[in-house]
Protein backbone atom coordinates (compact mmCIF):
# COMPACT_ATOMS: atom_id res chain seq x y z
CA MET A 1 31.75 -1.99 -30.35
CA ASN A 2 28.62 -1.19 -32.37
CA VAL A 3 27.51 2.22 -31.18
CA LEU A 4 24.10 1.93 -32.80
CA ILE A 5 23.36 -1.35 -31.02
CA ILE A 6 24.51 0.11 -27.72
CA CYS A 7 22.28 3.18 -28.17
CA ALA A 8 19.31 1.00 -29.20
CA THR A 9 19.80 -1.25 -26.16
CA THR A 10 20.00 1.81 -23.90
CA LEU A 11 16.66 2.96 -25.30
CA VAL A 12 15.18 -0.51 -24.63
CA ALA A 13 16.45 -0.30 -21.02
CA TYR A 14 14.74 3.05 -20.61
CA LEU A 15 11.47 1.77 -22.10
CA LEU A 16 11.59 -1.22 -19.79
CA GLY A 17 11.99 1.05 -16.82
CA SER A 18 9.20 3.28 -18.11
CA ILE A 19 6.60 0.51 -17.85
CA PRO A 20 4.33 2.03 -15.12
CA SER A 21 3.47 -1.19 -13.29
CA ALA A 22 1.54 0.49 -10.49
CA VAL A 23 -0.41 2.76 -12.79
CA TRP A 24 -1.35 0.10 -15.32
CA TYR A 25 -2.18 -2.51 -12.67
CA GLY A 26 -4.37 -0.08 -10.78
CA GLN A 27 -6.18 0.98 -13.93
CA ALA A 28 -6.63 -2.58 -15.22
CA PHE A 29 -7.88 -4.24 -12.01
CA PHE A 30 -9.21 -1.43 -9.88
CA GLY A 31 -10.18 1.25 -12.37
CA LEU A 32 -8.10 3.98 -10.67
CA ASP A 33 -4.84 5.85 -11.11
CA ILE A 34 -2.67 5.05 -8.08
CA ARG A 35 -1.10 8.52 -8.39
CA ASN A 36 -4.39 10.10 -7.27
CA TYR A 37 -4.45 8.22 -3.98
CA GLY A 38 -2.31 7.78 -0.90
CA SER A 39 1.08 9.46 -1.27
CA GLY A 40 0.47 9.99 -4.98
CA ASN A 41 3.55 7.90 -5.75
CA ALA A 42 3.40 5.40 -8.61
CA GLY A 43 5.36 2.70 -6.80
CA ALA A 44 4.97 -0.52 -4.88
CA THR A 45 4.79 1.01 -1.42
CA ASN A 46 1.84 3.24 -2.31
CA THR A 47 0.21 0.31 -4.07
CA PHE A 48 0.52 -1.74 -0.85
CA ARG A 49 -1.18 1.01 1.13
CA VAL A 50 -3.95 1.80 -1.33
CA LEU A 51 -4.66 -1.49 -3.13
CA GLY A 52 -3.52 -4.09 -0.62
CA LYS A 53 -0.74 -6.66 -0.17
CA ARG A 54 -1.47 -8.76 -3.24
CA ALA A 55 -1.47 -5.80 -5.61
CA GLY A 56 1.58 -4.30 -3.92
CA THR A 57 3.48 -7.56 -4.16
CA ILE A 58 2.72 -7.97 -7.85
CA VAL A 59 3.73 -4.39 -8.64
CA MET A 60 6.91 -4.73 -6.60
CA LEU A 61 7.93 -7.95 -8.44
CA LEU A 62 7.20 -6.32 -11.79
CA ASP A 63 9.36 -3.33 -10.88
CA VAL A 64 12.20 -5.59 -9.70
CA LEU A 65 11.95 -7.52 -12.95
CA LYS A 66 12.29 -4.25 -14.94
CA GLY A 67 15.64 -3.43 -13.35
CA TYR A 68 16.89 -7.01 -13.54
CA THR A 69 15.96 -7.44 -17.20
CA ALA A 70 17.49 -4.11 -18.19
CA ALA A 71 20.78 -5.00 -16.49
CA ILE A 72 20.84 -8.47 -18.07
CA LEU A 73 20.70 -6.85 -21.54
CA SER A 74 24.46 -6.46 -21.20
CA THR A 75 24.89 -10.23 -21.06
CA ILE A 76 22.86 -10.54 -24.27
CA LEU A 77 25.18 -8.02 -25.94
CA TRP A 78 28.16 -10.09 -24.81
CA TYR A 79 26.69 -13.26 -26.33
CA ALA A 80 26.15 -11.24 -29.52
CA ASP A 81 29.84 -10.18 -29.48
CA VAL A 82 28.84 -6.53 -29.24
CA ILE A 83 30.79 -6.00 -26.01
CA THR A 84 33.60 -7.87 -24.28
CA ILE A 85 33.31 -9.94 -21.10
CA ASN A 86 35.19 -7.23 -19.19
CA GLU A 87 32.49 -4.71 -20.16
CA ILE A 88 29.51 -6.72 -18.90
CA LEU A 89 29.48 -5.20 -15.41
CA THR A 90 29.87 -1.66 -16.79
CA PHE A 91 26.88 -2.05 -19.06
CA LYS A 92 24.83 -3.85 -16.38
CA ILE A 93 25.23 -0.68 -14.30
CA VAL A 94 24.56 1.68 -17.27
CA PHE A 95 21.43 -0.17 -18.48
CA GLY A 96 20.17 -0.68 -14.93
CA LEU A 97 20.50 2.98 -14.06
CA VAL A 98 18.81 3.96 -17.31
CA ALA A 99 15.92 1.70 -16.36
CA VAL A 100 15.68 3.41 -12.99
CA ILE A 101 15.56 6.77 -14.75
CA GLY A 102 12.76 5.34 -16.86
CA HIS A 103 10.89 4.33 -13.66
CA LEU A 104 11.35 7.82 -12.20
CA TYR A 105 10.34 9.56 -15.43
CA PRO A 106 8.29 7.07 -17.46
CA VAL A 107 7.44 8.09 -21.01
CA PHE A 108 4.27 5.90 -20.77
CA ALA A 109 2.91 7.79 -17.77
CA ASN A 110 3.55 11.48 -18.50
CA PHE A 111 7.00 11.24 -16.89
CA LYS A 112 5.51 10.89 -13.41
CA GLY A 113 6.78 7.66 -11.87
CA GLY A 114 7.83 6.11 -8.59
CA LYS A 115 10.95 6.29 -6.44
CA GLY A 116 12.80 3.45 -8.15
CA VAL A 117 13.77 1.34 -5.13
CA ALA A 118 12.34 -1.93 -6.47
CA THR A 119 13.88 -1.28 -9.89
CA LEU A 120 17.20 -0.52 -8.20
CA LEU A 121 16.89 -3.80 -6.34
CA GLY A 122 16.40 -5.60 -9.66
CA MET A 123 19.64 -4.22 -11.09
CA MET A 124 21.44 -4.97 -7.81
CA LEU A 125 20.31 -8.57 -8.05
CA ALA A 126 21.76 -8.70 -11.58
CA THR A 127 25.08 -7.15 -10.60
CA HIS A 128 25.75 -8.70 -7.15
CA PRO A 129 22.98 -11.12 -6.06
CA GLU A 130 24.67 -12.12 -2.79
CA MET A 131 24.98 -8.55 -1.55
CA ALA A 132 21.49 -7.76 -2.81
CA ALA A 133 20.14 -10.62 -0.69
CA VAL A 134 21.93 -9.20 2.36
CA CYS A 135 20.45 -5.77 1.68
CA ILE A 136 16.95 -7.28 1.37
CA GLY A 137 17.46 -8.80 4.82
CA ILE A 138 18.53 -5.46 6.24
CA PHE A 139 15.54 -3.77 4.62
CA LEU A 140 13.10 -6.26 6.15
CA LEU A 141 14.64 -6.07 9.60
CA VAL A 142 14.50 -2.26 9.60
CA VAL A 143 10.92 -2.14 8.33
CA ILE A 144 9.72 -4.77 10.80
CA ALA A 145 11.47 -2.97 13.68
CA SER A 146 10.59 0.62 12.73
CA GLN A 147 7.58 0.17 10.38
CA TYR A 148 9.17 2.79 8.08
CA VAL A 149 9.61 1.55 4.51
CA SER A 150 11.52 4.70 3.57
CA LEU A 151 14.04 4.21 6.38
CA GLY A 152 14.52 0.56 5.38
CA SER A 153 15.12 1.58 1.78
CA ILE A 154 17.70 4.23 2.71
CA LEU A 155 19.64 2.02 5.13
CA ALA A 156 19.62 -0.97 2.78
CA ALA A 157 20.90 1.26 -0.05
CA LEU A 158 23.71 2.51 2.22
CA ALA A 159 24.60 -1.01 3.32
CA PHE A 160 25.29 -2.11 -0.27
CA PRO A 161 28.47 -0.06 -0.86
CA VAL A 162 29.59 -0.07 2.77
CA LEU A 163 29.48 -3.86 3.01
CA LEU A 164 31.27 -4.13 -0.33
CA LEU A 165 34.07 -1.97 1.13
CA LEU A 166 34.20 -4.21 4.20
CA GLN A 167 34.54 -7.28 1.92
CA ILE A 168 32.11 -9.37 4.00
CA PHE A 169 32.34 -12.12 1.43
CA GLY A 170 36.10 -12.35 1.87
CA GLN A 171 37.04 -11.00 -1.57
CA LYS A 172 38.12 -7.68 -3.02
CA GLU A 173 35.15 -6.17 -4.82
CA ASN A 174 35.26 -4.34 -8.13
CA PRO A 175 35.83 -0.61 -7.42
CA LEU A 176 33.27 0.24 -10.10
CA LEU A 177 30.66 -1.71 -8.17
CA ILE A 178 31.46 0.16 -5.00
CA VAL A 179 31.15 3.56 -6.79
CA PHE A 180 27.88 2.36 -8.27
CA GLY A 181 26.68 1.44 -4.79
CA PHE A 182 27.27 4.93 -3.46
CA ILE A 183 25.53 6.40 -6.52
CA VAL A 184 22.57 4.17 -5.77
CA PHE A 185 22.55 5.42 -2.15
CA LEU A 186 22.60 9.06 -3.23
CA LEU A 187 19.82 8.35 -5.74
CA VAL A 188 17.68 6.79 -3.01
CA VAL A 189 18.31 9.75 -0.71
CA PHE A 190 17.36 12.13 -3.57
CA THR A 191 14.10 10.35 -4.28
CA HIS A 192 13.26 10.14 -0.59
CA GLN A 193 13.87 13.77 0.38
CA LYS A 194 10.24 14.31 1.43
CA ASN A 195 10.26 11.06 3.35
CA ILE A 196 13.44 12.07 5.20
CA GLY A 197 11.80 15.34 6.16
CA ARG A 198 8.72 13.53 7.47
CA LEU A 199 10.92 11.05 9.36
CA LEU A 200 12.74 13.92 11.08
CA ARG A 201 9.40 15.53 12.01
CA GLY A 202 7.88 12.24 13.14
CA GLU A 203 5.19 12.42 10.44
CA GLU A 204 6.18 9.53 8.16
CA SER A 205 3.49 6.92 7.45
CA ARG A 206 4.07 3.51 8.98
CA THR A 207 3.71 0.20 7.21
CA ILE A 208 3.12 -2.99 9.20
CA LEU A 209 4.62 -6.03 7.43
CA ILE A 210 3.91 -8.51 10.21
CA ARG A 211 1.16 -8.37 12.77
CA PHE A 212 1.81 -10.30 15.99
CA ARG A 213 -1.34 -11.76 17.50
CA LYS A 214 -1.72 -11.77 21.24
CA LYS A 215 -2.26 -15.12 22.85
CA HIS A 216 -5.43 -15.41 24.91
């Protein structure tokens, strides 16, 4: 194992995560810093609220891509014979989490980033796409029913390791992946502490994904 290459790739994963999609998009197309508006968060949810659905969708996809690309770096290292096939999952998790740290504390935006949910989703898609798809479904159902994005994020993050334990796909899952899932859940809870407080007080902002029109 080439330690220098591993360290260099870890740095690349962090730099990928540090790309402040919401900040740069807002500055480039709207001439504003998203962190000065709405919740002050440099993430997709705040972008949706402040700049609209199109901007929010683009930022979200870019953030997902950051996590996915960072995790896939492990596969590139395997092709380059830097790591073994048995180490791919481990480094997908390592590089993905480093990218999330980059999103939370981006070097390109004065270390003031977003909450990392979309970037976490990207790395989940790279590590277990089937379960990630299930969690996306849970997230959408919760948000549509409750109109709380934060609640959807927390419950979807919890569902990932719990459903892995329940073996809903009929196979025994890698224990490392389950541990990773619970780490992801704890990370989401950590980054949503203020949201949890507002949820408990009934003060959390609502987000309407689908508007149902009344028939006349």
